């Protein structure tokens, strides 16, 4: 399995010089031939038959047919390419390079059904990032070097990433970015002081009929300006709404909602260790918190909440008095009975490979489509996928086993070209 990269702006310029691109192409036929050549080179796939293959292209790609395609048809074709292919092929000509600033092209992209990726961060500064594309079973290197250095609490939804930026003077701002278009901005200042732990994001889908970007909302926990750091009685929730461009103060969260974040059917879920029924849901539309009165399983270690196929799952280890993990299980929330139903356990042979250190407890996981992806913190990292529909387990290869020491965070992400911030 070959790992590819979505190039940065500087890398694209180097590729253009190496390819000898001379500006705007004058003929659609030549553009398509360049496109095929670049795609072959980028995949490092030998051309069967050598020169004869080029002759076949000339035979079937009649210039009379391909030479006069209207630009709008070009744009519609390009908008339906996989995003990594589009980034490779932008070097064909300057017009294709400029499509990311074209409202018409971004509108075509918004109407497309996008693949869901798995974003995996391999350093604590969120710069070394890899993407796993489940539908294609391949890895991409996904550079985020355009983001500032001091970022924390990164999350994502609706093709965007949200993070907290700590300024040089110690102040902090919430920021949002589109990693595909490599653009980011600071949101308006919070109404209170940021309080650690709780950052969530909920997004609505884009409307292909109107070509308007979906609304998104960012949820954080704050306290009144200048209040005591150890006074937990005045915590509150602030919500940023992209539709209004403003923050508003909402319901009161629990103090230690710091674990297991998931978004399921537009509801944001968090966990707390304080109680055996410590799962809380934030209803974004109403701005209120409610407790999910479904008791946890006993002897639970390293808990996580994930969304799969429109359902909420709890994933965690089981062991002896929270001292070590001896197995990993998956439960599904049965809302009608308000209980967690055991779905399956990781096979012991996979678990023995996954957590090899004696007394090991910790791992991360994320839901993507109908699967749960598990990643350990060992060297090199190991990934295991569980299909919740068919109850099947399998092991995946690491994106760069000779480079990566460990993974620090993973979550599901749906890339969007036509997704303004």
Protein backbone atom coordinates (compact mmCIF):
# COMPACT_ATOMS: atom_id res chain seq x y z
CA UNK A 1 0.00 0.00 0.00
CA UNK A 2 1.51 3.31 -1.13
CA UNK A 3 1.03 6.47 0.90
CA UNK A 4 0.41 9.58 -1.18
CA UNK A 5 0.37 13.22 -0.18
CA UNK A 6 -1.97 16.11 -0.79
CA UNK A 7 0.61 18.75 -1.69
CA UNK A 8 1.03 22.09 0.02
CA UNK A 9 1.11 25.29 -2.03
CA UNK A 10 4.92 25.27 -2.15
CA UNK A 11 5.00 21.65 -3.24
CA UNK A 12 2.51 22.43 -6.01
CA UNK A 13 4.77 25.20 -7.36
CA UNK A 14 7.70 22.79 -7.42
CA UNK A 15 5.61 20.23 -9.24
CA UNK A 16 4.60 22.82 -11.80
CA UNK A 17 8.23 23.70 -12.53
CA UNK A 18 9.21 20.05 -12.79
CA UNK A 19 6.36 19.29 -15.15
CA UNK A 20 7.15 22.27 -17.35
CA UNK A 21 3.65 23.68 -17.27
CA UNK A 22 3.63 26.83 -19.39
CA UNK A 23 0.41 28.47 -18.32
CA UNK A 24 -3.02 28.19 -19.82
CA UNK A 25 -3.52 25.21 -22.12
CA UNK A 26 -5.08 26.02 -25.44
CA UNK A 27 -6.80 22.76 -26.21
CA UNK A 28 -8.99 20.45 -24.16
CA UNK A 29 -7.54 17.44 -25.95
CA UNK A 30 -4.01 18.29 -24.80
CA UNK A 31 -5.27 18.96 -21.27
CA UNK A 32 -6.84 15.54 -21.01
CA UNK A 33 -3.65 13.87 -22.31
CA UNK A 34 -1.57 15.80 -19.77
CA UNK A 35 -4.04 14.83 -17.10
CA UNK A 36 -3.69 11.12 -17.88
CA UNK A 37 0.10 11.37 -18.01
CA UNK A 38 0.28 13.19 -14.67
CA UNK A 39 -2.07 10.73 -13.04
CA UNK A 40 0.07 7.81 -14.19
CA UNK A 41 3.24 9.46 -12.98
CA UNK A 42 1.76 10.36 -9.61
CA UNK A 43 0.67 6.76 -9.10
CA UNK A 44 4.02 5.49 -10.46
CA UNK A 45 2.14 2.97 -12.61
CA UNK A 46 3.99 1.68 -15.72
CA UNK A 47 2.14 2.16 -18.99
CA UNK A 48 1.41 -1.26 -20.51
CA UNK A 49 2.84 -1.56 -23.99
CA UNK A 50 4.94 1.60 -23.93
CA UNK A 51 4.45 3.83 -26.97
CA UNK A 52 1.62 1.68 -28.30
CA UNK A 53 -0.52 2.81 -25.38
CA UNK A 54 -0.06 6.44 -26.39
CA UNK A 55 -1.12 5.52 -29.93
CA UNK A 56 -4.26 3.90 -28.51
CA UNK A 57 -5.02 7.13 -26.67
CA UNK A 58 -4.69 9.07 -29.92
CA UNK A 59 -7.04 6.63 -31.62
CA UNK A 60 -9.83 6.79 -29.04
CA UNK A 61 -9.40 10.41 -27.88
CA UNK A 62 -10.51 12.06 -31.10
CA UNK A 63 -9.51 15.76 -30.93
CA UNK A 64 -12.73 16.63 -32.75
CA UNK A 65 -14.63 15.23 -29.77
CA UNK A 66 -12.36 16.25 -26.87
CA UNK A 67 -10.99 19.49 -28.28
CA UNK A 68 -14.05 21.66 -27.77
CA UNK A 69 -15.51 20.71 -24.42
CA UNK A 70 -17.05 23.77 -22.74
CA UNK A 71 -15.42 24.96 -19.52
CA UNK A 72 -18.51 24.24 -17.45
CA UNK A 73 -18.37 20.58 -18.51
CA UNK A 74 -14.68 20.50 -17.56
CA UNK A 75 -15.61 21.82 -14.12
CA UNK A 76 -18.36 19.24 -13.61
CA UNK A 77 -15.98 16.42 -14.51
CA UNK A 78 -13.23 17.69 -12.21
CA UNK A 79 -15.70 18.19 -9.34
CA UNK A 80 -16.47 14.47 -9.43
CA UNK A 81 -12.86 13.37 -9.11
CA UNK A 82 -11.63 12.07 -5.75
CA UNK A 83 -10.11 14.99 -3.87
CA UNK A 84 -6.51 13.61 -3.95
CA UNK A 85 -6.76 13.21 -7.75
CA UNK A 86 -8.00 16.77 -8.13
CA UNK A 87 -5.04 18.13 -6.16
CA UNK A 88 -2.61 16.18 -8.33
CA UNK A 89 -4.22 17.38 -11.53
CA UNK A 90 -4.44 21.08 -10.69
CA UNK A 91 -0.95 21.50 -12.18
CA UNK A 92 -2.28 20.85 -15.71
CA UNK A 93 -3.03 24.52 -16.30
CA UNK A 94 -3.49 27.80 -14.47
CA UNK A 95 -7.27 27.70 -14.84
CA UNK A 96 -7.53 24.34 -13.09
CA UNK A 97 -5.19 25.70 -10.43
CA UNK A 98 -7.61 28.58 -9.77
CA UNK A 99 -10.76 26.47 -9.47
CA UNK A 100 -10.71 26.51 -5.66
CA UNK A 101 -11.65 30.19 -5.83
CA UNK A 102 -14.48 29.61 -8.32
CA UNK A 103 -17.99 29.71 -6.74
CA UNK A 104 -19.38 27.71 -9.67
CA UNK A 105 -16.84 24.91 -9.28
CA UNK A 106 -17.28 24.82 -5.49
CA UNK A 107 -21.02 24.59 -6.06
CA UNK A 108 -20.51 21.51 -8.22
CA UNK A 109 -18.35 20.03 -5.46
CA UNK A 110 -21.05 20.71 -2.87
CA UNK A 111 -23.54 18.63 -4.89
CA UNK A 112 -21.24 15.59 -4.88
CA UNK A 113 -21.42 12.73 -2.38
CA UNK A 114 -18.12 12.79 -0.53
CA UNK A 115 -16.10 9.93 0.90
CA UNK A 116 -15.61 9.85 4.63
CA UNK A 117 -11.98 9.75 5.74
CA UNK A 118 -10.26 8.82 8.96
CA UNK A 119 -7.95 11.60 10.15
CA UNK A 120 -5.04 10.43 12.33
CA UNK A 121 -2.69 12.81 14.14
CA UNK A 122 0.79 11.53 14.88
CA UNK A 123 2.19 14.43 16.90
CA UNK A 124 0.91 16.56 19.77
CA UNK A 125 1.08 19.72 17.64
CA UNK A 126 -1.34 18.32 15.02
CA UNK A 127 1.08 18.81 12.13
CA UNK A 128 1.97 15.21 11.23
CA UNK A 129 -1.34 13.90 9.92
CA UNK A 130 -2.34 10.88 7.88
CA UNK A 131 -5.63 10.07 6.20
CA UNK A 132 -7.08 6.62 5.70
CA UNK A 133 -9.72 6.36 2.92
CA UNK A 134 -11.81 3.27 3.73
CA UNK A 135 -13.56 3.06 0.34
CA UNK A 136 -10.19 2.84 -1.42
CA UNK A 137 -8.21 1.11 1.35
CA UNK A 138 -5.29 3.51 1.05
CA UNK A 139 -3.37 6.15 3.02
CA UNK A 140 -2.55 9.77 2.25
CA UNK A 141 -0.13 12.12 3.93
CA UNK A 142 -2.20 15.17 4.89
CA UNK A 143 0.02 18.17 5.77
CA UNK A 144 -1.44 20.84 8.06
CA UNK A 145 1.72 22.94 8.15
CA UNK A 146 -0.29 26.07 7.22
CA UNK A 147 -1.89 26.14 10.68
CA UNK A 148 -0.28 28.10 13.55
CA UNK A 149 1.79 26.26 16.15
CA UNK A 150 -0.02 26.65 19.46
CA UNK A 151 -3.28 24.82 18.77
CA UNK A 152 -5.22 22.54 21.12
CA UNK A 153 -8.50 20.60 21.37
CA UNK A 154 -8.85 19.95 17.66
CA UNK A 155 -12.09 18.44 16.36
CA UNK A 156 -14.03 18.47 13.11
CA UNK A 157 -17.42 18.25 11.39
CA UNK A 158 -18.92 19.09 8.01
CA UNK A 159 -15.58 19.26 6.20
CA UNK A 160 -14.14 21.76 8.70
CA UNK A 161 -11.75 21.57 11.64
CA UNK A 162 -12.15 23.54 14.84
CA UNK A 163 -9.37 24.21 17.35
CA UNK A 164 -8.30 26.48 20.16
CA UNK A 165 -5.38 28.82 19.39
CA UNK A 166 -3.29 30.12 22.29
CA UNK A 167 -1.82 33.51 21.44
CA UNK A 168 1.67 34.70 22.41
CA UNK A 169 0.21 36.88 25.18
CA UNK A 170 -1.60 33.90 26.72
CA UNK A 171 -5.03 34.81 25.37
CA UNK A 172 -6.93 32.19 23.40
CA UNK A 173 -9.21 32.17 20.39
CA UNK A 174 -11.42 29.56 18.80
CA UNK A 175 -10.60 29.01 15.13
CA UNK A 176 -12.09 27.13 12.21
CA UNK A 177 -10.37 25.93 9.03
CA UNK A 178 -10.99 24.02 5.83
CA UNK A 179 -7.92 21.76 5.52
CA UNK A 180 -8.64 21.00 1.86
CA UNK A 181 -8.55 24.63 0.73
CA UNK A 182 -5.84 25.37 3.35
CA UNK A 183 -7.70 28.35 4.77
CA UNK A 184 -8.45 29.26 8.40
CA UNK A 185 -9.71 32.16 10.50
CA UNK A 186 -10.31 33.22 14.09
CA UNK A 187 -13.87 33.30 15.31
CA UNK A 188 -15.21 36.31 17.27
CA UNK A 189 -14.01 36.43 20.90
CA UNK A 190 -15.71 34.19 23.45
CA UNK A 191 -18.08 35.89 25.88
CA UNK A 192 -16.26 34.29 28.84
CA UNK A 193 -12.92 32.64 29.61
CA UNK A 194 -12.22 29.28 28.00
CA UNK A 195 -12.42 26.39 30.48
CA UNK A 196 -10.47 23.25 29.56
CA UNK A 197 -11.86 20.01 28.29
CA UNK A 198 -15.05 20.51 26.34
CA UNK A 199 -14.91 21.38 22.64
CA UNK A 200 -17.47 19.99 20.20
CA UNK A 201 -18.72 20.72 16.71
CA UNK A 202 -21.98 19.89 14.96
CA UNK A 203 -22.60 20.53 11.27
CA UNK A 204 -25.56 20.34 8.95
CA UNK A 205 -25.25 18.89 5.47
CA UNK A 206 -24.81 21.06 2.43
CA UNK A 207 -27.90 21.58 0.27
CA UNK A 208 -27.11 20.51 -3.32
CA UNK A 209 -30.24 22.30 -4.57
CA UNK A 210 -29.20 25.73 -3.35
CA UNK A 211 -25.44 25.01 -3.35
CA UNK A 212 -25.26 26.71 0.04
CA UNK A 213 -22.80 25.55 2.64
CA UNK A 214 -24.22 23.77 5.66
CA UNK A 215 -24.58 25.58 8.97
CA UNK A 216 -22.19 24.58 11.73
CA UNK A 217 -22.11 25.21 15.46
CA UNK A 218 -19.19 25.03 17.88
CA UNK A 219 -19.73 24.19 21.54
CA UNK A 220 -17.23 25.08 24.29
CA UNK A 221 -17.28 25.40 28.07
CA UNK A 222 -16.44 28.77 29.62
CA UNK A 223 -16.63 30.65 32.91
CA UNK A 224 -17.35 34.34 33.58
CA UNK A 225 -14.37 36.63 32.86
CA UNK A 226 -11.99 36.89 35.81
CA UNK A 227 -13.70 34.22 37.93
CA UNK A 228 -11.81 31.75 40.13
CA UNK A 229 -10.30 28.82 38.22
CA UNK A 230 -11.36 26.43 41.00
CA UNK A 231 -14.94 27.63 41.24
CA UNK A 232 -16.95 25.03 39.31
CA UNK A 233 -20.35 26.46 40.20
CA UNK A 234 -20.47 29.07 37.46
CA UNK A 235 -19.47 27.03 34.39
CA UNK A 236 -21.56 27.55 31.29
CA UNK A 237 -21.82 26.48 27.67
CA UNK A 238 -21.13 28.86 24.79
CA UNK A 239 -22.29 28.09 21.25
CA UNK A 240 -21.00 29.71 18.08
CA UNK A 241 -23.53 29.65 15.22
CA UNK A 242 -22.14 30.14 11.72
CA UNK A 243 -25.55 31.38 10.57
CA UNK A 244 -25.43 34.40 12.90
CA UNK A 245 -21.67 34.72 13.32
CA UNK A 246 -22.02 35.17 17.09
CA UNK A 247 -21.52 33.32 20.37
CA UNK A 248 -24.39 32.79 22.80
CA UNK A 249 -24.51 31.48 26.37
CA UNK A 250 -26.46 28.29 26.88
CA UNK A 251 -27.00 25.51 29.47
CA UNK A 252 -24.76 24.56 32.39
CA UNK A 253 -22.41 21.60 31.72
CA UNK A 254 -20.93 19.18 34.22
CA UNK A 255 -17.43 19.98 35.51
CA UNK A 256 -15.62 16.93 34.16
CA UNK A 257 -17.20 16.31 30.76
CA UNK A 258 -13.88 15.60 29.11
CA UNK A 259 -14.13 12.16 27.50
CA UNK A 260 -15.72 10.15 24.77
CA UNK A 261 -17.12 12.91 22.55
CA UNK A 262 -19.43 11.84 19.70
CA UNK A 263 -22.02 13.42 17.43
CA UNK A 264 -25.03 11.27 16.56
CA UNK A 265 -28.07 12.54 14.65
CA UNK A 266 -27.17 16.17 15.40
CA UNK A 267 -26.78 15.62 19.16
CA UNK A 268 -23.41 16.11 20.91
CA UNK A 269 -22.49 13.50 23.55
CA UNK A 270 -19.84 13.61 26.29
CA UNK A 271 -18.90 11.34 29.18
CA UNK A 272 -17.91 11.90 32.80
CA UNK A 273 -16.43 9.59 35.42
CA UNK A 274 -18.54 11.09 38.19
CA UNK A 275 -21.46 8.65 37.94
CA UNK A 276 -22.20 5.21 36.61
CA UNK A 277 -24.67 6.81 34.21
CA UNK A 278 -22.24 9.53 33.22
CA UNK A 279 -23.21 10.15 29.59
CA UNK A 280 -24.64 13.58 28.83
CA UNK A 281 -26.22 14.85 25.62
CA UNK A 282 -26.19 18.48 24.53
CA UNK A 283 -29.24 19.34 22.40
CA UNK A 284 -27.77 22.06 20.24
CA UNK A 285 -31.08 23.43 18.94
CA UNK A 286 -32.54 23.80 22.43
CA UNK A 287 -29.25 24.67 24.14
CA UNK A 288 -29.78 22.24 27.03
CA UNK A 289 -27.92 19.30 28.61
CA UNK A 290 -29.67 16.07 29.53
CA UNK A 291 -28.38 12.98 31.29
CA UNK A 292 -28.59 9.64 29.47
CA UNK A 293 -29.74 7.37 32.26
CA UNK A 294 -28.11 4.21 30.99
CA UNK A 295 -25.70 2.70 33.55
CA UNK A 296 -22.21 1.84 32.35
CA UNK A 297 -20.83 -1.69 32.29
CA UNK A 298 -18.69 -2.59 35.33
CA UNK A 299 -14.88 -2.69 35.40
CA UNK A 300 -14.67 -0.33 32.45
CA UNK A 301 -11.33 1.13 31.23
CA UNK A 302 -10.50 3.72 28.55
CA UNK A 303 -14.11 4.49 27.51
CA UNK A 304 -15.08 6.12 24.22
CA UNK A 305 -18.29 7.14 22.49
CA UNK A 306 -18.55 6.70 18.71
CA UNK A 307 -21.23 7.08 16.08
CA UNK A 308 -21.73 4.35 13.47
CA UNK A 309 -24.49 4.16 10.88
CA UNK A 310 -26.69 6.59 12.83
CA UNK A 311 -26.40 4.76 16.17
CA UNK A 312 -24.44 5.57 19.34
CA UNK A 313 -21.87 3.04 20.56
CA UNK A 314 -19.72 2.84 23.66
CA UNK A 315 -16.28 1.28 23.28
CA UNK A 316 -13.94 0.39 26.09
CA UNK A 317 -11.71 -2.10 27.77
CA UNK A 318 -12.64 -4.33 30.64
CA UNK A 319 -10.26 -5.38 33.34
CA UNK A 320 -9.61 -5.53 37.06
CA UNK A 321 -10.64 -2.47 39.05
CA UNK A 322 -9.44 -0.02 36.34
CA UNK A 323 -5.84 -1.21 36.78
CA UNK A 324 -5.27 -2.95 33.45
CA UNK A 325 -7.20 -3.83 30.31
CA UNK A 326 -7.62 -7.52 29.53
CA UNK A 327 -10.08 -7.16 26.65
CA UNK A 328 -12.06 -4.67 24.55
CA UNK A 329 -15.81 -4.66 24.00
CA UNK A 330 -18.38 -2.71 21.97
CA UNK A 331 -21.83 -1.78 23.31
CA UNK A 332 -24.75 -0.11 21.52
CA UNK A 333 -27.19 2.25 23.22
CA UNK A 334 -30.74 0.89 23.05
CA UNK A 335 -32.70 4.11 23.51
CA UNK A 336 -36.06 2.45 24.09
CA UNK A 337 -34.73 0.57 27.13
CA UNK A 338 -32.02 3.10 28.03
CA UNK A 339 -29.35 0.44 28.35
CA UNK A 340 -26.05 -0.48 26.75
CA UNK A 341 -26.28 -3.80 24.89
CA UNK A 342 -23.08 -5.78 24.35
CA UNK A 343 -22.45 -6.22 20.62
CA UNK A 344 -19.12 -8.03 20.46
CA UNK A 345 -15.61 -8.38 21.93
CA UNK A 346 -12.29 -8.00 20.17
CA UNK A 347 -10.89 -11.50 19.44
CA UNK A 348 -8.19 -12.40 21.94
CA UNK A 349 -5.53 -12.97 19.26
CA UNK A 350 -6.05 -9.42 17.94
CA UNK A 351 -6.20 -7.95 21.43
CA UNK A 352 -2.88 -9.61 22.34
CA UNK A 353 -1.28 -7.88 19.34
CA UNK A 354 -3.09 -4.60 19.97
CA UNK A 355 -2.15 -4.02 23.62
CA UNK A 356 1.13 -5.84 24.06
CA UNK A 357 2.53 -4.04 27.10
CA UNK A 358 1.71 -5.59 30.49
CA UNK A 359 -0.84 -3.46 32.29
CA UNK A 360 -1.63 -1.52 29.11
CA UNK A 361 -4.91 0.37 29.21
CA UNK A 362 -5.07 3.14 26.68
CA UNK A 363 -6.12 3.32 23.05
CA UNK A 364 -8.16 5.62 20.81
CA UNK A 365 -11.01 4.87 18.43
CA UNK A 366 -13.36 6.55 15.97
CA UNK A 367 -16.55 5.64 14.15
CA UNK A 368 -16.62 5.88 10.38
CA UNK A 369 -19.56 4.69 8.32
CA UNK A 370 -20.54 1.30 9.70
CA UNK A 371 -17.17 0.59 11.32
CA UNK A 372 -15.24 1.35 14.49
CA UNK A 373 -11.51 1.95 14.05
CA UNK A 374 -9.13 1.24 16.95
CA UNK A 375 -5.60 2.60 17.24
CA UNK A 376 -3.06 1.92 19.96
CA UNK A 377 -0.34 4.16 21.38
CA UNK A 378 2.51 1.74 20.79
CA UNK A 379 5.41 1.79 18.33
CA UNK A 380 4.65 1.32 15.51
CA UNK A 381 0.93 2.04 15.86
CA UNK A 382 -1.53 -0.70 14.96
CA UNK A 383 -5.03 -0.28 13.60
CA UNK A 384 -7.96 -2.66 13.92
CA UNK A 385 -11.37 -2.21 12.32
CA UNK A 386 -14.67 -3.65 13.56
CA UNK A 387 -17.67 -3.85 11.20
CA UNK A 388 -20.63 -3.34 13.54
CA UNK A 389 -23.17 -4.65 11.02
CA UNK A 390 -21.45 -7.94 10.20
CA UNK A 391 -19.54 -8.25 13.51
CA UNK A 392 -16.24 -8.77 11.68
CA UNK A 393 -12.78 -7.78 12.95
CA UNK A 394 -9.64 -7.24 10.88
CA UNK A 395 -6.22 -5.63 11.13
CA UNK A 396 -5.08 -2.72 8.96
CA UNK A 397 -1.56 -1.77 8.00
CA UNK A 398 0.06 1.34 9.46
CA UNK A 399 0.53 4.31 7.08
CA UNK A 400 4.27 4.66 7.76
CA UNK A 401 5.48 2.06 10.28
CA UNK A 402 9.14 3.06 9.92
CA UNK A 403 8.41 6.75 10.59
CA UNK A 404 5.64 6.92 13.14
CA UNK A 405 6.29 6.43 16.83
CA UNK A 406 2.65 6.61 17.86
CA UNK A 407 -0.73 8.13 17.06
CA UNK A 408 -2.27 10.66 19.41
CA UNK A 409 -5.76 11.23 18.05
CA UNK A 410 -8.12 10.00 15.37
CA UNK A 411 -11.59 10.98 14.22
CA UNK A 412 -13.86 10.66 11.21
CA UNK A 413 -13.78 13.52 8.72
CA UNK A 414 -15.62 14.19 5.44
CA UNK A 415 -13.52 16.46 3.19
CA UNK A 416 -15.34 19.23 1.34
CA UNK A 417 -13.89 21.45 -1.36
CA UNK A 418 -16.97 23.67 -1.47
CA UNK A 419 -17.10 24.34 2.27
CA UNK A 420 -16.29 27.98 3.17
CA UNK A 421 -15.31 28.86 6.72
